[in-house]
Amino acid sequence: MCSLILASVFCSMLAKSATSNDISSLPEGHSILAEGVLLGDMTRLTSGKPPSDNFDLLDWSLTLPTDLNKDLKADTIYENPLSSGFELKPLFYTADDGGMVFASPNMGAKTSKNTKYARTELREMLRRGNSREKTQGITGNNWVFAGAHGSVKRKAGAVEGSLEATLAVNRVSTTGDEKMVGRVIIGQIHATNDEPIRLYYRKLPQNEHGSIYFAHEINDGNDTWINLIGSRSHTQADPADGIKLNEKFSYKITVENDSLFVTLIREGKANMSKVLDMSHSGYDKSNQYMYFKAGVYNQNNGGDPKDYVQATFYHLDNQHKGYRH
């Protein structure tokens, strides 16, 4: 009961940190999404061409689980070469149906000493090849929350925004520590150090269907876990309403007015949305900048050296308010 003043304050703060399924609170970009209709036009995708012929990749750089230059860090392909026909089988290439394939082994080169896992993942680059813009910091390459100070918003490339994707997870890891088997991150918002959202797909070896869930990390704090389908448990039973390997689905992630909106779309089924108030998460501070990420960030770093994850993307679109490039 929130009858006392202190209890009232506490309950108010608790409510702000909770998630909600109230679709009346969804922004227009989510509320107008057709029920059970996947995002994007897959008819325009063509096989036999590099990914940049089917997708606008000038807004992205690509991190690979390789270290070809032997600098003890994962290789990065920046916007201009990535958008000019780069591909590298079996890690990044165009599938026979025109989709953009991402694959990452369990064990590969990492982005830093503090990173546990390998990835083949796109990193949003609002500078679109303009190397005069620094990649890190409050610059034209990154975006910020609406709650940030006005001077911060003027320096940033954009204020808030959305990421849309349609994809199918083709394979997940099947060997190694049972607590890591089958996990892959398929979309993120990365901030200066932490992640406002990490969107996961997980399918256990004994299950036919996979789960979808996400983590919201409080800036300099702990993770809050939110389930969309099934759960992140490594002992969960088969989520009967889950998503099978090679089954296409869409997601849309939006930050608007310091709130996080996540919508999951499956063909012929009702859309699923979650809302989370981030006004107390610390991402509106003056040192916080954001960028979207998409691809496969393998969440298993053990098992068979030949084990890997793979997903094929059929639609990818990043949108922002106040975009100045």
Protein backbone atom coordinates (compact mmCIF):
# COMPACT_ATOMS: atom_id res chain seq x y z
CA MET A 1 0.00 0.00 0.00
CA CYS A 2 1.28 3.41 -0.99
CA SER A 3 -0.52 5.35 1.75
CA LEU A 4 2.46 7.03 3.33
CA ILE A 5 4.49 9.71 1.58
CA LEU A 6 7.69 7.65 1.52
CA ALA A 7 5.82 4.61 0.31
CA SER A 8 4.17 6.74 -2.37
CA VAL A 9 7.55 7.92 -3.65
CA PHE A 10 8.84 4.36 -3.66
CA CYS A 11 5.82 3.03 -5.52
CA SER A 12 6.11 5.83 -8.07
CA MET A 13 9.75 4.96 -8.74
CA LEU A 14 8.88 1.28 -8.97
CA ALA A 15 6.18 1.99 -11.51
CA LYS A 16 8.59 3.96 -13.66
CA SER A 17 11.01 1.03 -13.80
CA ALA A 18 8.33 -1.53 -14.72
CA THR A 19 7.40 -2.76 -18.16
CA SER A 20 3.91 -2.58 -19.57
CA ASN A 21 1.86 -4.18 -22.33
CA ASP A 22 -0.47 -1.18 -22.56
CA ILE A 23 -0.52 -0.52 -26.31
CA SER A 24 -2.19 2.83 -25.72
CA SER A 25 1.22 4.08 -24.57
CA LEU A 26 2.95 3.03 -27.79
CA PRO A 27 4.28 5.76 -30.09
CA GLU A 28 2.74 6.08 -33.52
CA GLY A 29 5.65 4.25 -35.15
CA HIS A 30 4.60 1.13 -33.23
CA SER A 31 0.84 1.54 -32.97
CA ILE A 32 0.46 1.75 -36.76
CA LEU A 33 2.29 -1.54 -37.37
CA ALA A 34 -0.03 -4.02 -39.07
CA GLU A 35 -0.81 -7.07 -36.98
CA GLY A 36 1.12 -10.16 -38.05
CA VAL A 37 2.75 -8.51 -41.07
CA LEU A 38 6.54 -8.72 -41.27
CA LEU A 39 8.46 -5.49 -41.85
CA GLY A 40 10.20 -4.66 -45.13
CA ASP A 41 9.83 -5.59 -48.78
CA MET A 42 11.57 -8.93 -49.28
CA THR A 43 10.60 -9.07 -52.96
CA ARG A 44 13.30 -6.54 -53.82
CA LEU A 45 16.15 -8.70 -52.48
CA THR A 46 18.37 -10.30 -55.12
CA SER A 47 20.78 -13.22 -54.83
CA GLY A 48 24.24 -13.28 -56.38
CA LYS A 49 25.12 -9.78 -55.18
CA PRO A 50 27.00 -8.52 -52.12
CA PRO A 51 24.88 -7.40 -49.15
CA SER A 52 25.39 -3.70 -49.93
CA ASP A 53 23.48 -4.13 -53.19
CA ASN A 54 20.37 -5.09 -51.22
CA PHE A 55 20.84 -2.98 -48.07
CA ASP A 56 21.99 0.59 -47.40
CA LEU A 57 25.14 -0.13 -45.40
CA LEU A 58 26.70 3.34 -45.51
CA ASP A 59 25.09 3.87 -42.07
CA TRP A 60 27.03 0.95 -40.58
CA SER A 61 30.40 -0.58 -39.82
CA LEU A 62 30.88 -4.33 -39.41
CA THR A 63 32.71 -6.13 -36.62
CA LEU A 64 34.05 -9.58 -37.52
CA PRO A 65 35.30 -12.43 -35.30
CA THR A 66 38.64 -12.36 -37.17
CA ASP A 67 42.01 -10.73 -36.51
CA LEU A 68 43.64 -10.59 -39.93
CA ASN A 69 46.01 -7.75 -39.03
CA LYS A 70 47.14 -9.51 -35.81
CA ASP A 71 46.45 -6.54 -33.51
CA LEU A 72 44.72 -8.81 -30.98
CA LYS A 73 41.32 -7.21 -31.69
CA ALA A 74 38.38 -8.10 -33.86
CA ASP A 75 38.54 -6.68 -37.38
CA THR A 76 36.29 -3.77 -38.35
CA ILE A 77 35.06 -3.01 -41.86
CA TYR A 78 34.12 0.67 -42.00
CA GLU A 79 31.28 2.31 -43.89
CA ASN A 80 32.83 2.98 -47.30
CA PRO A 81 34.25 -0.49 -48.03
CA LEU A 82 31.24 -2.16 -46.38
CA SER A 83 28.83 -0.25 -48.63
CA SER A 84 30.97 -0.91 -51.71
CA GLY A 85 30.54 -4.65 -52.04
CA PHE A 86 32.34 -6.17 -49.06
CA GLU A 87 31.53 -9.79 -48.25
CA LEU A 88 33.40 -12.57 -46.50
CA LYS A 89 32.00 -16.08 -46.64
CA PRO A 90 31.05 -17.86 -44.43
CA LEU A 91 30.75 -14.93 -42.00
CA PHE A 92 29.00 -12.19 -43.99
CA TYR A 93 27.44 -12.67 -47.42
CA THR A 94 24.20 -12.81 -49.41
CA ALA A 95 22.03 -15.92 -49.16
CA ASP A 96 20.36 -17.61 -52.12
CA ASP A 97 17.12 -15.83 -51.21
CA GLY A 98 18.81 -12.41 -51.11
CA GLY A 99 19.00 -12.11 -47.32
CA MET A 100 22.08 -10.75 -45.54
CA VAL A 101 23.79 -13.55 -43.63
CA PHE A 102 25.70 -13.07 -40.37
CA ALA A 103 27.58 -15.99 -38.79
CA SER A 104 29.89 -16.09 -35.78
CA PRO A 105 31.77 -18.99 -34.23
CA ASN A 106 31.70 -19.60 -30.49
CA MET A 107 35.37 -18.74 -30.29
CA GLY A 108 36.83 -15.87 -32.28
CA ALA A 109 38.50 -12.47 -32.04
CA LYS A 110 36.90 -10.07 -29.56
CA THR A 111 36.51 -6.29 -29.66
CA SER A 112 38.36 -5.72 -26.38
CA LYS A 113 39.91 -7.49 -23.38
CA ASN A 114 36.67 -6.92 -21.47
CA THR A 115 34.49 -8.64 -24.09
CA LYS A 116 33.73 -12.32 -23.52
CA TYR A 117 32.09 -13.21 -26.83
CA ALA A 118 32.68 -13.08 -30.58
CA ARG A 119 30.36 -11.42 -33.06
CA THR A 120 29.55 -10.61 -36.66
CA GLU A 121 27.60 -7.46 -36.01
CA LEU A 122 26.79 -4.10 -37.54
CA ARG A 123 27.46 -0.91 -35.58
CA GLU A 124 25.45 2.17 -36.50
CA MET A 125 27.55 5.00 -37.98
CA LEU A 126 25.50 8.15 -38.51
CA ARG A 127 28.51 9.90 -40.06
CA ARG A 128 27.98 7.78 -43.24
CA GLY A 129 31.63 7.58 -44.20
CA ASN A 130 32.65 11.09 -43.11
CA SER A 131 35.89 10.20 -41.31
CA ARG A 132 36.17 13.74 -39.92
CA GLU A 133 33.47 12.77 -37.41
CA LYS A 134 34.88 10.85 -34.45
CA THR A 135 33.25 7.47 -33.91
CA GLN A 136 33.05 7.72 -30.10
CA GLY A 137 31.64 10.44 -27.87
CA ILE A 138 28.98 13.10 -28.32
CA THR A 139 29.57 13.59 -32.02
CA GLY A 140 27.63 13.57 -35.25
CA ASN A 141 28.21 9.84 -35.42
CA ASN A 142 26.02 8.99 -32.43
CA TRP A 143 22.62 9.88 -30.95
CA VAL A 144 21.35 10.84 -27.52
CA PHE A 145 18.20 10.72 -25.38
CA ALA A 146 15.67 13.56 -25.44
CA GLY A 147 16.33 14.11 -21.74
CA ALA A 148 19.94 15.08 -22.40
CA HIS A 149 21.07 18.69 -21.96
CA GLY A 150 20.39 20.96 -24.93
CA SER A 151 24.12 21.45 -25.65
CA VAL A 152 24.55 17.67 -25.83
CA LYS A 153 21.64 17.30 -28.25
CA ARG A 154 23.11 20.00 -30.50
CA LYS A 155 26.44 18.16 -30.75
CA ALA A 156 24.92 14.73 -31.41
CA GLY A 157 24.01 13.31 -34.81
CA ALA A 158 20.39 12.73 -33.78
CA VAL A 159 17.99 12.55 -30.86
CA GLU A 160 16.45 9.14 -30.09
CA GLY A 161 15.25 6.85 -32.87
CA SER A 162 14.12 3.41 -34.04
CA LEU A 163 15.62 0.21 -35.38
CA GLU A 164 13.58 -2.21 -37.49
CA ALA A 165 14.64 -5.67 -38.61
CA THR A 166 13.19 -8.77 -40.19
CA LEU A 167 15.28 -11.90 -39.84
CA ALA A 168 15.44 -15.64 -39.33
CA VAL A 169 17.85 -17.27 -36.91
CA ASN A 170 19.25 -20.21 -38.87
CA ARG A 171 21.48 -21.78 -36.25
CA VAL A 172 22.42 -21.44 -32.59
CA SER A 173 25.24 -23.00 -30.62
CA THR A 174 24.62 -26.54 -29.38
CA THR A 175 27.80 -27.37 -27.42
CA GLY A 176 29.57 -26.08 -24.32
CA ASP A 177 28.30 -24.75 -21.00
CA GLU A 178 24.54 -25.38 -20.71
CA LYS A 179 24.09 -21.86 -19.34
CA MET A 180 25.41 -20.38 -22.61
CA VAL A 181 24.15 -22.87 -25.21
CA GLY A 182 21.70 -21.54 -27.79
CA ARG A 183 22.02 -17.82 -26.94
CA VAL A 184 22.52 -15.04 -29.48
CA ILE A 185 21.93 -11.28 -29.38
CA ILE A 186 20.22 -10.07 -32.56
CA GLY A 187 19.82 -6.35 -31.81
CA GLN A 188 21.15 -3.77 -29.36
CA ILE A 189 21.32 -0.18 -28.30
CA HIS A 190 24.81 0.42 -27.00
CA ALA A 191 25.55 3.47 -24.85
CA THR A 192 28.87 4.88 -23.68
CA ASN A 193 29.60 1.80 -21.57
CA ASP A 194 26.32 -0.04 -21.00
CA GLU A 195 23.34 -1.22 -23.05
CA PRO A 196 19.82 0.18 -22.77
CA ILE A 197 18.72 -2.99 -24.58
CA ARG A 198 20.15 -6.31 -25.68
CA LEU A 199 17.59 -8.37 -27.61
CA TYR A 200 18.12 -12.14 -27.41
CA TYR A 201 16.98 -15.23 -29.26
CA ARG A 202 17.59 -18.51 -27.45
CA LYS A 203 16.78 -22.10 -28.46
CA LEU A 204 17.87 -25.02 -26.32
CA PRO A 205 19.05 -28.24 -28.02
CA GLN A 206 16.12 -30.28 -26.67
CA ASN A 207 13.50 -27.71 -27.71
CA GLU A 208 11.81 -27.15 -31.05
CA HIS A 209 11.07 -23.47 -30.45
CA GLY A 210 13.17 -20.54 -29.31
CA SER A 211 12.54 -17.70 -26.86
CA ILE A 212 12.76 -13.95 -27.33
CA TYR A 213 13.67 -11.72 -24.39
CA PHE A 214 15.71 -8.62 -23.69
CA ALA A 215 17.91 -7.09 -21.03
CA HIS A 216 17.80 -3.45 -19.98
CA GLU A 217 21.00 -2.45 -18.22
CA ILE A 218 20.80 0.45 -15.80
CA ASN A 219 23.69 2.82 -16.51
CA ASP A 220 26.46 1.68 -14.13
CA GLY A 221 23.94 -0.77 -12.64
CA ASN A 222 22.38 -4.18 -12.99
CA ASP A 223 20.32 -5.79 -15.75
CA THR A 224 16.53 -5.99 -15.78
CA TRP A 225 15.26 -8.95 -17.82
CA ILE A 226 12.00 -8.85 -19.76
CA ASN A 227 10.46 -11.86 -21.53
CA LEU A 228 8.56 -11.58 -24.80
CA ILE A 229 8.26 -15.31 -25.55
CA GLY A 230 9.48 -18.02 -23.20
CA SER A 231 12.41 -17.11 -20.97
CA ARG A 232 16.20 -17.02 -20.78
CA SER A 233 16.37 -20.09 -18.51
CA HIS A 234 18.70 -22.89 -19.63
CA THR A 235 16.23 -25.41 -18.19
CA GLN A 236 13.00 -24.11 -19.71
CA ALA A 237 10.57 -26.45 -21.43
CA ASP A 238 9.84 -25.97 -25.09
CA PRO A 239 8.03 -22.59 -25.47
CA ALA A 240 5.16 -23.81 -27.64
CA ASP A 241 4.44 -20.27 -28.88
CA GLY A 242 8.11 -19.68 -29.61
CA ILE A 243 10.03 -19.18 -32.83
CA LYS A 244 11.65 -22.04 -34.71
CA LEU A 245 15.00 -21.89 -36.46
CA ASN A 246 14.63 -20.49 -40.00
CA GLU A 247 11.28 -18.89 -39.10
CA LYS A 248 11.13 -15.23 -40.14
CA PHE A 249 10.07 -12.60 -37.62
CA SER A 250 10.44 -8.84 -37.16
CA TYR A 251 11.31 -6.54 -34.31
CA LYS A 252 11.13 -2.81 -33.81
CA ILE A 253 13.04 -1.03 -31.05
CA THR A 254 12.33 2.64 -30.33
CA VAL A 255 13.57 5.19 -27.82
CA GLU A 256 11.15 8.11 -27.50
CA ASN A 257 10.90 10.57 -24.63
CA ASP A 258 13.29 8.45 -22.57
CA SER A 259 11.06 5.37 -22.89
CA LEU A 260 11.96 2.08 -24.54
CA PHE A 261 9.43 0.40 -26.83
CA VAL A 262 9.96 -3.11 -28.19
CA THR A 263 7.55 -4.79 -30.62
CA LEU A 264 7.86 -8.37 -31.87
CA ILE A 265 6.03 -9.33 -35.07
CA ARG A 266 5.34 -12.86 -36.28
CA GLU A 267 3.53 -13.65 -39.49
CA GLY A 268 -0.19 -14.17 -38.96
CA LYS A 269 -0.03 -13.62 -35.18
CA ALA A 270 -0.82 -10.73 -32.89
CA ASN A 271 2.04 -8.28 -32.37
CA MET A 272 3.67 -8.27 -28.93
CA SER A 273 4.92 -5.03 -27.37
CA LYS A 274 6.69 -4.03 -24.16
CA VAL A 275 7.20 -0.55 -22.77
CA LEU A 276 9.88 0.45 -20.26
CA ASP A 277 10.39 3.85 -18.65
CA MET A 278 14.12 4.71 -18.75
CA SER A 279 13.92 8.17 -17.19
CA HIS A 280 15.71 6.83 -14.09
CA SER A 281 18.22 4.62 -15.98
CA GLY A 282 20.90 7.31 -16.33
CA TYR A 283 21.14 7.50 -20.12
CA ASP A 284 20.21 11.17 -20.31
CA LYS A 285 23.48 12.19 -18.64
CA SER A 286 25.80 14.49 -20.57
CA ASN A 287 28.41 11.77 -21.20
CA GLN A 288 25.99 9.22 -22.67
CA TYR A 289 25.82 8.55 -26.41
CA MET A 290 24.00 5.78 -28.28
CA TYR A 291 24.19 3.65 -31.40
CA PHE A 292 22.19 0.71 -32.69
CA LYS A 293 23.71 -2.70 -33.39
CA ALA A 294 22.32 -5.63 -35.39
CA GLY A 295 23.59 -9.02 -36.53
CA VAL A 296 24.72 -11.96 -34.41
CA TYR A 297 26.55 -11.46 -31.13
CA ASN A 298 27.26 -15.05 -30.07
CA GLN A 299 26.65 -15.54 -26.34
CA ASN A 300 28.56 -18.81 -26.08
CA ASN A 301 32.37 -18.85 -25.85
CA GLY A 302 33.00 -22.55 -25.36
CA GLY A 303 32.21 -25.99 -26.69
CA ASP A 304 33.20 -27.35 -30.09
CA PRO A 305 35.55 -24.97 -31.98
CA LYS A 306 33.38 -25.51 -35.09
CA ASP A 307 30.17 -24.53 -33.31
CA TYR A 308 28.57 -21.24 -34.43
CA VAL A 309 25.45 -19.08 -34.67
CA GLN A 310 23.89 -17.72 -37.86
CA ALA A 311 21.02 -15.41 -38.79
CA THR A 312 19.77 -14.00 -42.09
CA PHE A 313 18.36 -10.46 -42.20
CA TYR A 314 15.73 -9.49 -44.78
CA HIS A 315 15.03 -5.93 -43.62
CA LEU A 316 17.10 -3.43 -41.66
CA ASP A 317 16.23 0.22 -41.17
CA ASN A 318 17.42 2.81 -38.65
CA GLN A 319 15.46 6.02 -38.23
CA HIS A 320 16.10 9.16 -36.13
CA LYS A 321 14.63 12.49 -35.14
CA GLY A 322 16.75 15.58 -35.64
CA TYR A 323 19.14 13.70 -37.90
CA ARG A 324 21.63 16.33 -39.16
CA HIS A 325 23.48 14.42 -41.90
